[in-house]
C-alpha atoms as a PDB file:
ATOM      1  CA  UNK A   1      -6.958 -17.687 -33.377  1.00  0.00           C
ATOM      2  CA  UNK A   2      -8.731 -15.057 -31.262  1.00  0.00           C
ATOM      3  CA  UNK A   3      -7.191 -11.590 -31.203  1.00  0.00           C
ATOM      4  CA  UNK A   4      -8.190  -9.196 -28.442  1.00  0.00           C
ATOM      5  CA  UNK A   5      -7.343  -6.037 -26.523  1.00  0.00           C
ATOM      6  CA  UNK A   6      -5.355  -5.977 -23.280  1.00  0.00           C
ATOM      7  CA  UNK A   7      -4.320  -3.074 -21.068  1.00  0.00           C
ATOM      8  CA  UNK A   8      -0.691  -2.792 -20.056  1.00  0.00           C
ATOM      9  CA  UNK A   9       1.412  -0.561 -17.871  1.00  0.00           C
ATOM     10  CA  UNK A  10       4.507   1.218 -19.104  1.00  0.00           C
ATOM     11  CA  UNK A  11       7.836   2.254 -17.569  1.00  0.00           C
ATOM     12  CA  UNK A  12       6.291   5.675 -16.973  1.00  0.00           C
ATOM     13  CA  UNK A  13       3.249   4.140 -15.257  1.00  0.00           C
ATOM     14  CA  UNK A  14       0.879   5.115 -18.072  1.00  0.00           C
ATOM     15  CA  UNK A  15      -1.825   2.662 -19.141  1.00  0.00           C
ATOM     16  CA  UNK A  16      -1.886   1.720 -22.834  1.00  0.00           C
ATOM     17  CA  UNK A  17      -3.969  -0.705 -24.880  1.00  0.00           C
ATOM     18  CA  UNK A  18      -2.371  -3.438 -26.985  1.00  0.00           C
ATOM     19  CA  UNK A  19      -3.440  -6.387 -29.098  1.00  0.00           C
ATOM     20  CA  UNK A  20      -2.575  -9.990 -28.423  1.00  0.00           C
ATOM     21  CA  UNK A  21      -3.405 -13.247 -30.188  1.00  0.00           C
ATOM     22  CA  UNK A  22      -3.893 -16.588 -28.474  1.00  0.00           C
ATOM     23  CA  UNK A  23      -4.765 -20.047 -29.708  1.00  0.00           C
ATOM     24  CA  UNK A  24      -7.410 -21.862 -27.661  1.00  0.00           C
ATOM     25  CA  UNK A  25      -5.776 -25.149 -26.688  1.00  0.00           C
ATOM     26  CA  UNK A  26      -7.604 -28.416 -26.085  1.00  0.00           C
ATOM     27  CA  UNK A  27      -7.846 -27.827 -22.323  1.00  0.00           C
ATOM     28  CA  UNK A  28      -8.334 -24.077 -22.511  1.00  0.00           C
ATOM     29  CA  UNK A  29     -11.261 -21.680 -22.488  1.00  0.00           C
ATOM     30  CA  UNK A  30     -11.717 -18.336 -24.222  1.00  0.00           C
ATOM     31  CA  UNK A  31     -13.376 -15.983 -21.744  1.00  0.00           C
ATOM     32  CA  UNK A  32     -15.110 -12.769 -22.712  1.00  0.00           C
ATOM     33  CA  UNK A  33     -14.122 -10.448 -19.875  1.00  0.00           C
ATOM     34  CA  UNK A  34     -16.866  -8.385 -18.272  1.00  0.00           C
ATOM     35  CA  UNK A  35     -15.190  -7.254 -15.047  1.00  0.00           C
ATOM     36  CA  UNK A  36     -11.783  -6.971 -13.434  1.00  0.00           C
ATOM     37  CA  UNK A  37     -10.973  -6.105  -9.868  1.00  0.00           C
ATOM     38  CA  UNK A  38      -8.107  -3.761  -9.104  1.00  0.00           C
ATOM     39  CA  UNK A  39      -5.822  -5.150  -6.402  1.00  0.00           C
ATOM     40  CA  UNK A  40      -2.941  -3.479  -4.592  1.00  0.00           C
ATOM     41  CA  UNK A  41      -0.638  -6.070  -6.167  1.00  0.00           C
ATOM     42  CA  UNK A  42      -1.438  -4.591  -9.589  1.00  0.00           C
ATOM     43  CA  UNK A  43       0.260  -1.373  -8.518  1.00  0.00           C
ATOM     44  CA  UNK A  44       3.545  -3.256  -8.199  1.00  0.00           C
ATOM     45  CA  UNK A  45       3.358  -4.153 -11.906  1.00  0.00           C
ATOM     46  CA  UNK A  46       2.067  -0.952 -13.478  1.00  0.00           C
ATOM     47  CA  UNK A  47       5.605  -0.052 -14.651  1.00  0.00           C
ATOM     48  CA  UNK A  48       6.555  -3.590 -15.732  1.00  0.00           C
ATOM     49  CA  UNK A  49       5.113  -3.392 -19.254  1.00  0.00           C
ATOM     50  CA  UNK A  50       2.883  -6.448 -18.803  1.00  0.00           C
ATOM     51  CA  UNK A  51      -0.858  -6.959 -19.171  1.00  0.00           C
ATOM     52  CA  UNK A  52      -2.486  -5.942 -15.901  1.00  0.00           C
ATOM     53  CA  UNK A  53      -5.066  -7.516 -13.619  1.00  0.00           C
ATOM     54  CA  UNK A  54      -5.652 -10.828 -11.869  1.00  0.00           C
ATOM     55  CA  UNK A  55      -9.188 -10.558 -10.470  1.00  0.00           C
ATOM     56  CA  UNK A  56     -11.125 -11.573 -13.556  1.00  0.00           C
ATOM     57  CA  UNK A  57     -14.750 -12.382 -14.249  1.00  0.00           C
ATOM     58  CA  UNK A  58     -16.501 -13.020 -17.519  1.00  0.00           C
ATOM     59  CA  UNK A  59     -18.463 -15.358 -19.786  1.00  0.00           C
ATOM     60  CA  UNK A  60     -17.255 -18.520 -21.517  1.00  0.00           C
ATOM     61  CA  UNK A  61     -17.074 -17.704 -25.232  1.00  0.00           C
ATOM     62  CA  UNK A  62     -15.261 -20.730 -26.674  1.00  0.00           C
ATOM     63  CA  UNK A  63     -14.213 -24.147 -25.389  1.00  0.00           C
ATOM     64  CA  UNK A  64     -11.164 -26.212 -26.201  1.00  0.00           C
ATOM     65  CA  UNK A  65     -11.854 -29.645 -27.659  1.00  0.00           C
ATOM     66  CA  UNK A  66     -11.182 -31.498 -24.384  1.00  0.00           C
ATOM     67  CA  UNK A  67     -13.033 -29.175 -21.989  1.00  0.00           C
ATOM     68  CA  UNK A  68     -16.126 -30.709 -20.396  1.00  0.00           C
ATOM     69  CA  UNK A  69     -16.311 -28.743 -17.137  1.00  0.00           C
ATOM     70  CA  UNK A  70     -17.850 -25.603 -18.675  1.00  0.00           C
ATOM     71  CA  UNK A  71     -20.335 -24.616 -21.341  1.00  0.00           C
ATOM     72  CA  UNK A  72     -20.606 -21.546 -23.520  1.00  0.00           C
ATOM     73  CA  UNK A  73     -22.296 -18.746 -21.615  1.00  0.00           C
ATOM     74  CA  UNK A  74     -21.152 -19.909 -18.171  1.00  0.00           C
ATOM     75  CA  UNK A  75     -20.164 -17.219 -15.703  1.00  0.00           C
ATOM     76  CA  UNK A  76     -16.560 -17.807 -14.635  1.00  0.00           C
ATOM     77  CA  UNK A  77     -13.691 -16.144 -12.837  1.00  0.00           C
ATOM     78  CA  UNK A  78      -9.988 -16.579 -12.209  1.00  0.00           C
ATOM     79  CA  UNK A  79      -7.364 -15.281  -9.855  1.00  0.00           C
ATOM     80  CA  UNK A  80      -3.632 -14.988  -9.271  1.00  0.00           C
ATOM     81  CA  UNK A  81      -2.661 -18.507 -10.350  1.00  0.00           C
ATOM     82  CA  UNK A  82      -3.060 -19.513 -13.985  1.00  0.00           C
ATOM     83  CA  UNK A  83      -1.617 -23.028 -14.110  1.00  0.00           C
ATOM     84  CA  UNK A  84       0.565 -25.703 -12.501  1.00  0.00           C
ATOM     85  CA  UNK A  85       1.988 -29.086 -13.482  1.00  0.00           C
ATOM     86  CA  UNK A  86      -0.976 -30.939 -11.855  1.00  0.00           C
ATOM     87  CA  UNK A  87       1.252 -33.997 -11.343  1.00  0.00           C
ATOM     88  CA  UNK A  88       3.743 -33.231  -8.551  1.00  0.00           C
ATOM     89  CA  UNK A  89       3.245 -33.990  -4.847  1.00  0.00           C
ATOM     90  CA  UNK A  90       2.134 -30.422  -4.133  1.00  0.00           C
ATOM     91  CA  UNK A  91      -0.469 -30.455  -6.892  1.00  0.00           C
ATOM     92  CA  UNK A  92      -1.785 -33.899  -5.996  1.00  0.00           C
ATOM     93  CA  UNK A  93      -2.256 -32.979  -2.330  1.00  0.00           C
ATOM     94  CA  UNK A  94      -4.161 -29.731  -2.906  1.00  0.00           C
ATOM     95  CA  UNK A  95      -1.174 -27.392  -2.618  1.00  0.00           C
ATOM     96  CA  UNK A  96      -0.763 -26.446  -6.272  1.00  0.00           C
ATOM     97  CA  UNK A  97      -0.013 -22.861  -5.251  1.00  0.00           C
ATOM     98  CA  UNK A  98       3.421 -24.196  -4.195  1.00  0.00           C
ATOM     99  CA  UNK A  99       4.083 -26.168  -7.395  1.00  0.00           C
ATOM    100  CA  UNK A 100       7.596 -25.569  -8.727  1.00  0.00           C
ATOM    101  CA  UNK A 101       6.096 -25.070 -12.201  1.00  0.00           C
ATOM    102  CA  UNK A 102       3.243 -22.801 -11.091  1.00  0.00           C
ATOM    103  CA  UNK A 103       2.225 -19.970 -13.424  1.00  0.00           C
ATOM    104  CA  UNK A 104       1.361 -16.845 -11.467  1.00  0.00           C
ATOM    105  CA  UNK A 105       0.342 -13.320 -12.387  1.00  0.00           C
ATOM    106  CA  UNK A 106       3.427 -11.180 -12.826  1.00  0.00           C
ATOM    107  CA  UNK A 107       5.583 -14.229 -13.567  1.00  0.00           C
ATOM    108  CA  UNK A 108       3.794 -15.748 -16.572  1.00  0.00           C
ATOM    109  CA  UNK A 109       1.272 -14.881 -19.305  1.00  0.00           C
ATOM    110  CA  UNK A 110       2.634 -11.370 -19.684  1.00  0.00           C
ATOM    111  CA  UNK A 111       0.521 -10.758 -22.795  1.00  0.00           C
ATOM    112  CA  UNK A 112      -2.910 -11.273 -21.193  1.00  0.00           C
ATOM    113  CA  UNK A 113      -4.603 -10.681 -17.862  1.00  0.00           C
ATOM    114  CA  UNK A 114      -7.975  -9.570 -16.477  1.00  0.00           C
ATOM    115  CA  UNK A 115      -7.863  -6.012 -17.814  1.00  0.00           C
ATOM    116  CA  UNK A 116      -8.861  -6.494 -21.413  1.00  0.00           C
ATOM    117  CA  UNK A 117     -11.643  -7.765 -23.637  1.00  0.00           C
ATOM    118  CA  UNK A 118     -10.866 -11.512 -23.702  1.00  0.00           C
ATOM    119  CA  UNK A 119      -8.403 -13.992 -22.221  1.00  0.00           C
ATOM    120  CA  UNK A 120      -7.516 -17.657 -22.762  1.00  0.00           C
ATOM    121  CA  UNK A 121      -7.032 -19.737 -19.609  1.00  0.00           C
ATOM    122  CA  UNK A 122      -6.620 -23.343 -18.576  1.00  0.00           C
ATOM    123  CA  UNK A 123     -10.007 -24.796 -17.662  1.00  0.00           C
ATOM    124  CA  UNK A 124      -8.329 -26.247 -14.568  1.00  0.00           C
ATOM    125  CA  UNK A 125      -7.843 -22.771 -13.116  1.00  0.00           C
ATOM    126  CA  UNK A 126     -11.215 -21.251 -13.945  1.00  0.00           C
ATOM    127  CA  UNK A 127     -13.970 -21.138 -11.329  1.00  0.00           C
ATOM    128  CA  UNK A 128     -17.713 -21.264 -11.835  1.00  0.00           C
ATOM    129  CA  UNK A 129     -19.324 -18.177 -10.310  1.00  0.00           C
ATOM    130  CA  UNK A 130     -22.536 -18.990  -8.410  1.00  0.00           C
ATOM    131  CA  UNK A 131     -25.646 -17.566 -10.029  1.00  0.00           C
ATOM    132  CA  UNK A 132     -26.406 -15.478  -6.936  1.00  0.00           C
ATOM    133  CA  UNK A 133     -23.134 -13.528  -7.206  1.00  0.00           C
ATOM    134  CA  UNK A 134     -23.061 -10.708  -9.743  1.00  0.00           C
ATOM    135  CA  UNK A 135     -19.770 -10.717 -11.675  1.00  0.00           C
ATOM    136  CA  UNK A 136     -18.962  -7.168 -10.554  1.00  0.00           C
ATOM    137  CA  UNK A 137     -18.887  -8.480  -6.987  1.00  0.00           C
ATOM    138  CA  UNK A 138     -17.296 -11.796  -7.930  1.00  0.00           C
ATOM    139  CA  UNK A 139     -14.213 -10.187  -9.483  1.00  0.00           C
ATOM    140  CA  UNK A 140     -12.723  -8.857  -6.193  1.00  0.00           C
ATOM    141  CA  UNK A 141     -13.391 -12.226  -4.557  1.00  0.00           C
ATOM    142  CA  UNK A 142     -11.018 -13.886  -7.038  1.00  0.00           C
ATOM    143  CA  UNK A 143      -7.981 -12.568  -5.180  1.00  0.00           C
ATOM    144  CA  UNK A 144      -9.039 -10.408  -2.217  1.00  0.00           C
ATOM    145  CA  UNK A 145     -11.744 -12.786  -1.060  1.00  0.00           C
ATOM    146  CA  UNK A 146      -9.737 -15.925  -1.785  1.00  0.00           C
ATOM    147  CA  UNK A 147      -6.697 -14.564   0.047  1.00  0.00           C
ATOM    148  CA  UNK A 148      -8.444 -13.847   3.351  1.00  0.00           C
ATOM    149  CA  UNK A 149     -10.662 -16.947   3.176  1.00  0.00           C
ATOM    150  CA  UNK A 150      -7.654 -19.176   2.548  1.00  0.00           C
ATOM    151  CA  UNK A 151      -5.800 -17.757   5.562  1.00  0.00           C
ATOM    152  CA  UNK A 152      -8.787 -18.439   7.806  1.00  0.00           C
ATOM    153  CA  UNK A 153      -9.831 -21.778   6.309  1.00  0.00           C
ATOM    154  CA  UNK A 154      -6.441 -23.393   5.835  1.00  0.00           C
ATOM    155  CA  UNK A 155      -4.863 -22.665   9.207  1.00  0.00           C
ATOM    156  CA  UNK A 156      -7.355 -24.068  11.666  1.00  0.00           C
ATOM    157  CA  UNK A 157      -9.352 -20.984  12.586  1.00  0.00           C
ATOM    158  CA  UNK A 158     -12.311 -22.043  14.785  1.00  0.00           C
ATOM    159  CA  UNK A 159     -15.653 -20.320  15.510  1.00  0.00           C
ATOM    160  CA  UNK A 160     -14.566 -19.958  19.147  1.00  0.00           C
ATOM    161  CA  UNK A 161     -11.425 -17.991  18.185  1.00  0.00           C
ATOM    162  CA  UNK A 162     -10.900 -14.246  18.427  1.00  0.00           C
ATOM    163  CA  UNK A 163      -9.686 -12.914  15.084  1.00  0.00           C
ATOM    164  CA  UNK A 164      -7.880  -9.593  14.825  1.00  0.00           C
ATOM    165  CA  UNK A 165      -7.939  -7.636  11.567  1.00  0.00           C
ATOM    166  CA  UNK A 166      -5.477  -4.787  11.092  1.00  0.00           C
ATOM    167  CA  UNK A 167      -6.839  -2.361   8.497  1.00  0.00           C
ATOM    168  CA  UNK A 168     -10.271  -1.800   6.977  1.00  0.00           C
ATOM    169  CA  UNK A 169      -9.518  -1.707   3.268  1.00  0.00           C
ATOM    170  CA  UNK A 170      -9.715  -3.924   0.210  1.00  0.00           C
ATOM    171  CA  UNK A 171      -8.627  -7.047   2.095  1.00  0.00           C
ATOM    172  CA  UNK A 172      -9.686  -6.027   5.579  1.00  0.00           C
ATOM    173  CA  UNK A 173     -13.348  -5.345   4.835  1.00  0.00           C
ATOM    174  CA  UNK A 174     -13.620  -8.824   3.288  1.00  0.00           C
ATOM    175  CA  UNK A 175     -11.715 -10.469   6.147  1.00  0.00           C
ATOM    176  CA  UNK A 176     -14.218  -9.008   8.623  1.00  0.00           C
ATOM    177  CA  UNK A 177     -17.152 -10.456   6.684  1.00  0.00           C
ATOM    178  CA  UNK A 178     -15.696 -13.929   6.178  1.00  0.00           C
ATOM    179  CA  UNK A 179     -14.498 -14.314   9.765  1.00  0.00           C
ATOM    180  CA  UNK A 180     -17.803 -13.030  11.155  1.00  0.00           C
ATOM    181  CA  UNK A 181     -19.799 -15.510   9.088  1.00  0.00           C
ATOM    182  CA  UNK A 182     -17.499 -18.266  10.330  1.00  0.00           C
ATOM    183  CA  UNK A 183     -18.758 -17.423  13.805  1.00  0.00           C
ATOM    184  CA  UNK A 184     -15.607 -15.778  15.145  1.00  0.00           C
ATOM    185  CA  UNK A 185     -15.305 -12.694  17.311  1.00  0.00           C
ATOM    186  CA  UNK A 186     -13.746  -9.989  15.165  1.00  0.00           C
ATOM    187  CA  UNK A 187     -11.488  -7.364  16.717  1.00  0.00           C
ATOM    188  CA  UNK A 188     -10.692  -4.612  14.215  1.00  0.00           C
ATOM    189  CA  UNK A 189      -7.743  -2.231  14.482  1.00  0.00           C
ATOM    190  CA  UNK A 190      -7.588   0.944  12.391  1.00  0.00           C
ATOM    191  CA  UNK A 191      -5.776   4.248  12.615  1.00  0.00           C
ATOM    192  CA  UNK A 192      -8.772   6.391  13.479  1.00  0.00           C
ATOM    193  CA  UNK A 193     -12.469   6.054  14.307  1.00  0.00           C
ATOM    194  CA  UNK A 194     -13.506   7.020  10.736  1.00  0.00           C
ATOM    195  CA  UNK A 195     -14.286   3.456   9.652  1.00  0.00           C
ATOM    196  CA  UNK A 196     -15.739   2.193  12.924  1.00  0.00           C
ATOM    197  CA  UNK A 197     -19.414   2.266  11.938  1.00  0.00           C
ATOM    198  CA  UNK A 198     -18.658   0.532   8.642  1.00  0.00           C
ATOM    199  CA  UNK A 199     -16.559  -2.149  10.336  1.00  0.00           C
ATOM    200  CA  UNK A 200     -19.300  -2.851  12.877  1.00  0.00           C
ATOM    201  CA  UNK A 201     -21.921  -3.159  10.131  1.00  0.00           C
ATOM    202  CA  UNK A 202     -19.670  -5.626   8.299  1.00  0.00           C
ATOM    203  CA  UNK A 203     -19.534  -7.866  11.352  1.00  0.00           C
ATOM    204  CA  UNK A 204     -16.855  -6.567  13.713  1.00  0.00           C
ATOM    205  CA  UNK A 205     -17.369  -7.325  17.402  1.00  0.00           C
ATOM    206  CA  UNK A 206     -14.941  -4.664  18.641  1.00  0.00           C
ATOM    207  CA  UNK A 207     -13.082  -1.726  17.092  1.00  0.00           C
ATOM    208  CA  UNK A 208      -9.944   0.048  18.305  1.00  0.00           C
ATOM    209  CA  UNK A 209      -8.397   3.225  16.890  1.00  0.00           C
ATOM    210  CA  UNK A 210      -4.645   2.856  17.394  1.00  0.00           C
ATOM    211  CA  UNK A 211      -3.093   6.033  16.018  1.00  0.00           C
ATOM    212  CA  UNK A 212      -0.844   7.538  18.687  1.00  0.00           C
ATOM    213  CA  UNK A 213      -1.410   4.634  21.085  1.00  0.00           C
ATOM    214  CA  UNK A 214       1.532   3.129  22.964  1.00  0.00           C
ATOM    215  CA  UNK A 215      -0.468   0.344  24.603  1.00  0.00           C
ATOM    216  CA  UNK A 216      -3.658  -1.577  23.843  1.00  0.00           C
ATOM    217  CA  UNK A 217      -6.207  -2.932  26.296  1.00  0.00           C
ATOM    218  CA  UNK A 218      -8.677  -5.241  24.547  1.00  0.00           C
ATOM    219  CA  UNK A 219      -9.547  -7.706  27.280  1.00  0.00           C
ATOM    220  CA  UNK A 220      -9.171 -11.273  26.011  1.00  0.00           C
ATOM    221  CA  UNK A 221      -6.334 -11.811  23.577  1.00  0.00           C
ATOM    222  CA  UNK A 222      -6.250 -12.551  19.856  1.00  0.00           C
ATOM    223  CA  UNK A 223      -5.831 -16.063  18.416  1.00  0.00           C
ATOM    224  CA  UNK A 224      -5.412 -15.108  14.745  1.00  0.00           C
ATOM    225  CA  UNK A 225      -4.163 -11.733  13.489  1.00  0.00           C
ATOM    226  CA  UNK A 226      -4.691 -10.826   9.824  1.00  0.00           C
ATOM    227  CA  UNK A 227      -2.451  -7.985   8.651  1.00  0.00           C
ATOM    228  CA  UNK A 228      -4.132  -6.338   5.655  1.00  0.00           C
ATOM    229  CA  UNK A 229      -2.366  -2.962   5.612  1.00  0.00           C
ATOM    230  CA  UNK A 230       0.362  -2.180   3.083  1.00  0.00           C
ATOM    231  CA  UNK A 231       2.661  -0.781   5.786  1.00  0.00           C
ATOM    232  CA  UNK A 232       3.940  -2.975   8.597  1.00  0.00           C
ATOM    233  CA  UNK A 233       2.214  -2.290  11.921  1.00  0.00           C
ATOM    234  CA  UNK A 234       3.909  -1.328  15.166  1.00  0.00           C
ATOM    235  CA  UNK A 235       4.613  -4.868  16.323  1.00  0.00           C
ATOM    236  CA  UNK A 236       5.384  -3.836  19.889  1.00  0.00           C
ATOM    237  CA  UNK A 237       1.798  -2.595  20.104  1.00  0.00           C
ATOM    238  CA  UNK A 238       0.184  -5.755  18.744  1.00  0.00           C
ATOM    239  CA  UNK A 239       2.333  -8.544  20.164  1.00  0.00           C
ATOM    240  CA  UNK A 240       1.125  -7.666  23.652  1.00  0.00           C
ATOM    241  CA  UNK A 241      -2.519  -8.499  22.759  1.00  0.00           C
ATOM    242  CA  UNK A 242      -1.815 -11.887  21.167  1.00  0.00           C
ATOM    243  CA  UNK A 243      -2.617 -15.096  23.007  1.00  0.00           C
ATOM    244  CA  UNK A 244       0.019 -17.772  23.380  1.00  0.00           C
ATOM    245  CA  UNK A 245       0.337 -19.857  20.191  1.00  0.00           C
ATOM    246  CA  UNK A 246      -1.426 -17.126  18.189  1.00  0.00           C
ATOM    247  CA  UNK A 247      -0.934 -17.018  14.416  1.00  0.00           C
ATOM    248  CA  UNK A 248       0.010 -13.891  12.456  1.00  0.00           C
ATOM    249  CA  UNK A 249      -0.870 -13.711   8.749  1.00  0.00           C
ATOM    250  CA  UNK A 250       0.901 -11.040   6.645  1.00  0.00           C
ATOM    251  CA  UNK A 251      -1.528 -10.807   3.704  1.00  0.00           C
ATOM    252  CA  UNK A 252      -0.598  -7.662   1.803  1.00  0.00           C
ATOM    253  CA  UNK A 253       2.365  -7.509  -0.580  1.00  0.00           C
ATOM    254  CA  UNK A 254       5.425  -5.472   0.425  1.00  0.00           C
ATOM    255  CA  UNK A 255       9.069  -5.401  -0.659  1.00  0.00           C
ATOM    256  CA  UNK A 256      10.416  -4.449   2.773  1.00  0.00           C
ATOM    257  CA  UNK A 257      11.893  -6.913   5.232  1.00  0.00           C
ATOM    258  CA  UNK A 258       9.544  -8.345   7.850  1.00  0.00           C
ATOM    259  CA  UNK A 259      10.871  -6.996  11.164  1.00  0.00           C
ATOM    260  CA  UNK A 260       9.483  -7.652  14.625  1.00  0.00           C
ATOM    261  CA  UNK A 261      10.738  -8.156  18.206  1.00  0.00           C
ATOM    262  CA  UNK A 262      12.390 -11.535  18.663  1.00  0.00           C
ATOM    263  CA  UNK A 263      11.651 -12.682  22.209  1.00  0.00           C
ATOM    264  CA  UNK A 264       7.812 -12.500  22.181  1.00  0.00           C
ATOM    265  CA  UNK A 265       7.779 -15.013  19.312  1.00  0.00           C
ATOM    266  CA  UNK A 266       9.681 -17.479  21.483  1.00  0.00           C
ATOM    267  CA  UNK A 267       7.992 -16.714  24.793  1.00  0.00           C
ATOM    268  CA  UNK A 268       4.461 -17.035  23.409  1.00  0.00           C
ATOM    269  CA  UNK A 269       5.314 -19.638  20.743  1.00  0.00           C
ATOM    270  CA  UNK A 270       3.784 -17.401  18.110  1.00  0.00           C
ATOM    271  CA  UNK A 271       3.549 -18.515  14.492  1.00  0.00           C
ATOM    272  CA  UNK A 272       3.966 -16.301  11.427  1.00  0.00           C
ATOM    273  CA  UNK A 273       2.055 -17.951   8.608  1.00  0.00           C
ATOM    274  CA  UNK A 274       2.716 -17.045   4.994  1.00  0.00           C
ATOM    275  CA  UNK A 275      -0.409 -17.230   2.833  1.00  0.00           C
ATOM    276  CA  UNK A 276       0.014 -16.844  -0.908  1.00  0.00           C
ATOM    277  CA  UNK A 277      -3.319 -17.407  -2.677  1.00  0.00           C
ATOM    278  CA  UNK A 278      -6.068 -19.973  -2.373  1.00  0.00           C
ATOM    279  CA  UNK A 279      -5.652 -23.463  -3.747  1.00  0.00           C
ATOM    280  CA  UNK A 280      -8.397 -24.392  -6.209  1.00  0.00           C
ATOM    281  CA  UNK A 281     -10.691 -26.296  -3.857  1.00  0.00           C
ATOM    282  CA  UNK A 282     -10.328 -23.615  -1.196  1.00  0.00           C
ATOM    283  CA  UNK A 283     -11.192 -21.073  -3.909  1.00  0.00           C
ATOM    284  CA  UNK A 284     -14.326 -23.039  -4.817  1.00  0.00           C
ATOM    285  CA  UNK A 285     -15.264 -23.303  -1.134  1.00  0.00           C
ATOM    286  CA  UNK A 286     -14.826 -19.538  -0.797  1.00  0.00           C
ATOM    287  CA  UNK A 287     -17.279 -18.852  -3.612  1.00  0.00           C
ATOM    288  CA  UNK A 288     -19.815 -21.320  -2.185  1.00  0.00           C
ATOM    289  CA  UNK A 289     -19.439 -19.768   1.274  1.00  0.00           C
ATOM    290  CA  UNK A 290     -19.736 -16.218  -0.069  1.00  0.00           C
ATOM    291  CA  UNK A 291     -22.863 -17.106  -2.033  1.00  0.00           C
ATOM    292  CA  UNK A 292     -24.525 -18.837   0.936  1.00  0.00           C
ATOM    293  CA  UNK A 293     -23.730 -16.054   3.415  1.00  0.00           C
ATOM    294  CA  UNK A 294     -24.249 -13.207   0.915  1.00  0.00           C
ATOM    295  CA  UNK A 295     -20.743 -11.858   1.417  1.00  0.00           C
ATOM    296  CA  UNK A 296     -20.207  -8.969  -0.939  1.00  0.00           C
ATOM    297  CA  UNK A 297     -17.273  -6.608  -1.456  1.00  0.00           C
ATOM    298  CA  UNK A 298     -17.903  -2.876  -1.314  1.00  0.00           C
ATOM    299  CA  UNK A 299     -16.939  -1.631  -4.763  1.00  0.00           C
ATOM    300  CA  UNK A 300     -16.452   1.462  -6.885  1.00  0.00           C
ATOM    301  CA  UNK A 301     -16.927   0.995 -10.628  1.00  0.00           C
ATOM    302  CA  UNK A 302     -14.705   2.374 -13.395  1.00  0.00           C
ATOM    303  CA  UNK A 303     -14.777   1.903 -17.155  1.00  0.00           C
ATOM    304  CA  UNK A 304     -12.472  -0.723 -18.630  1.00  0.00           C
ATOM    305  CA  UNK A 305     -10.436   1.707 -20.717  1.00  0.00           C
ATOM    306  CA  UNK A 306      -7.059   3.419 -20.519  1.00  0.00           C
ATOM    307  CA  UNK A 307      -8.615   6.426 -18.816  1.00  0.00           C
ATOM    308  CA  UNK A 308     -10.814   4.352 -16.513  1.00  0.00           C
ATOM    309  CA  UNK A 309      -7.927   2.175 -15.338  1.00  0.00           C
ATOM    310  CA  UNK A 310      -5.750   5.221 -14.674  1.00  0.00           C
ATOM    311  CA  UNK A 311      -8.583   6.804 -12.658  1.00  0.00           C
ATOM    312  CA  UNK A 312      -8.993   3.645 -10.594  1.00  0.00           C
ATOM    313  CA  UNK A 313      -5.258   3.338  -9.976  1.00  0.00           C
ATOM    314  CA  UNK A 314      -5.001   6.989  -8.931  1.00  0.00           C
ATOM    315  CA  UNK A 315      -7.835   6.571  -6.432  1.00  0.00           C
ATOM    316  CA  UNK A 316      -6.334   3.387  -4.998  1.00  0.00           C
ATOM    317  CA  UNK A 317      -2.901   4.978  -4.671  1.00  0.00           C
ATOM    318  CA  UNK A 318      -4.368   8.016  -2.920  1.00  0.00           C
ATOM    319  CA  UNK A 319      -6.025   5.814  -0.299  1.00  0.00           C
ATOM    320  CA  UNK A 320      -9.500   6.987  -1.307  1.00  0.00           C
ATOM    321  CA  UNK A 321     -10.924   3.701  -2.634  1.00  0.00           C
ATOM    322  CA  UNK A 322     -13.862   2.280  -0.634  1.00  0.00           C
ATOM    323  CA  UNK A 323     -12.889  -0.539  -0.894  1.00  0.00           C
ATOM    324  CA  UNK A 324     -12.273  -2.412  -4.159  1.00  0.00           C
ATOM    325  CA  UNK A 325     -12.111  -0.832  -7.587  1.00  0.00           C
ATOM    326  CA  UNK A 326     -13.833  -2.809 -10.337  1.00  0.00           C
ATOM    327  CA  UNK A 327     -13.246  -2.203 -14.058  1.00  0.00           C
ATOM    328  CA  UNK A 328     -16.376  -2.760 -16.095  1.00  0.00           C
ATOM    329  CA  UNK A 329     -16.454  -3.551 -19.832  1.00  0.00           C
ATOM    330  CA  UNK A 330     -19.046  -1.307 -21.425  1.00  0.00           C
ATOM    331  CA  UNK A 331     -21.202  -3.059 -23.990  1.00  0.00           C
END
């Protein structure tokens, strides 16, 4: 049975290395990890004592006896979901993210993750990385890219729609790129003007600095609003610029209650759409779309080590990351 190194958090928030051993089952794949993205969700688990990371990319090192979908040496990735029953109504209709027996990062497989040297995963939840996407760029797509793409793809966003993106960060800078390549008008909202030039280069149509503003005047309203900031926005400011029947997508993870004015939801028939992670086919579509349109996260690289992970976490927590940290295994 393969034995390998993983990196865990501790109650004190310190990163430590540990060893774990896993048998490669008939439908499983041993992956040699080369890269791991660092996602804001990882920060919620750094004191939980579990193996960290859910934006993984690597190379197939060993195949279970029943696996025919991959070969040794293939470039593969995985994200937040590790498994499901594959037999219930949700799984059979392409909604396995809602399976009652789903295995998700932070809730299962506590002894392995994407920050480590190897991992053993179900072949059903591994994704072939297109040859044109370098694994260091593929890793952040496994959660960040899949999350924003799924929100846009699965909820009827059309090329004629105006898409609002609150925040230009790890999720926001990817949301701008995906929505722009889908043909939408992108209206970006950020605190200050500091990220305006970057947002416009990524594909934004308009940019508004909102810090200190009590009202917004953006002309035509927004049909889809992606909230990618960790803190809840001032809803009184944003509800006024939404079109009737607009959809709001809270995409970042927060433990606070979701609080907003009541009457505008009724008067405009607004919809608040939860969006967990991408189902497998949506995930595959995301990678195909990203490869075709050359969508690429902006990354900062750190060494896959205790020190490197702590450096990456510190930079993300300080708000200085531009825009996704990627841990790299040094050969």
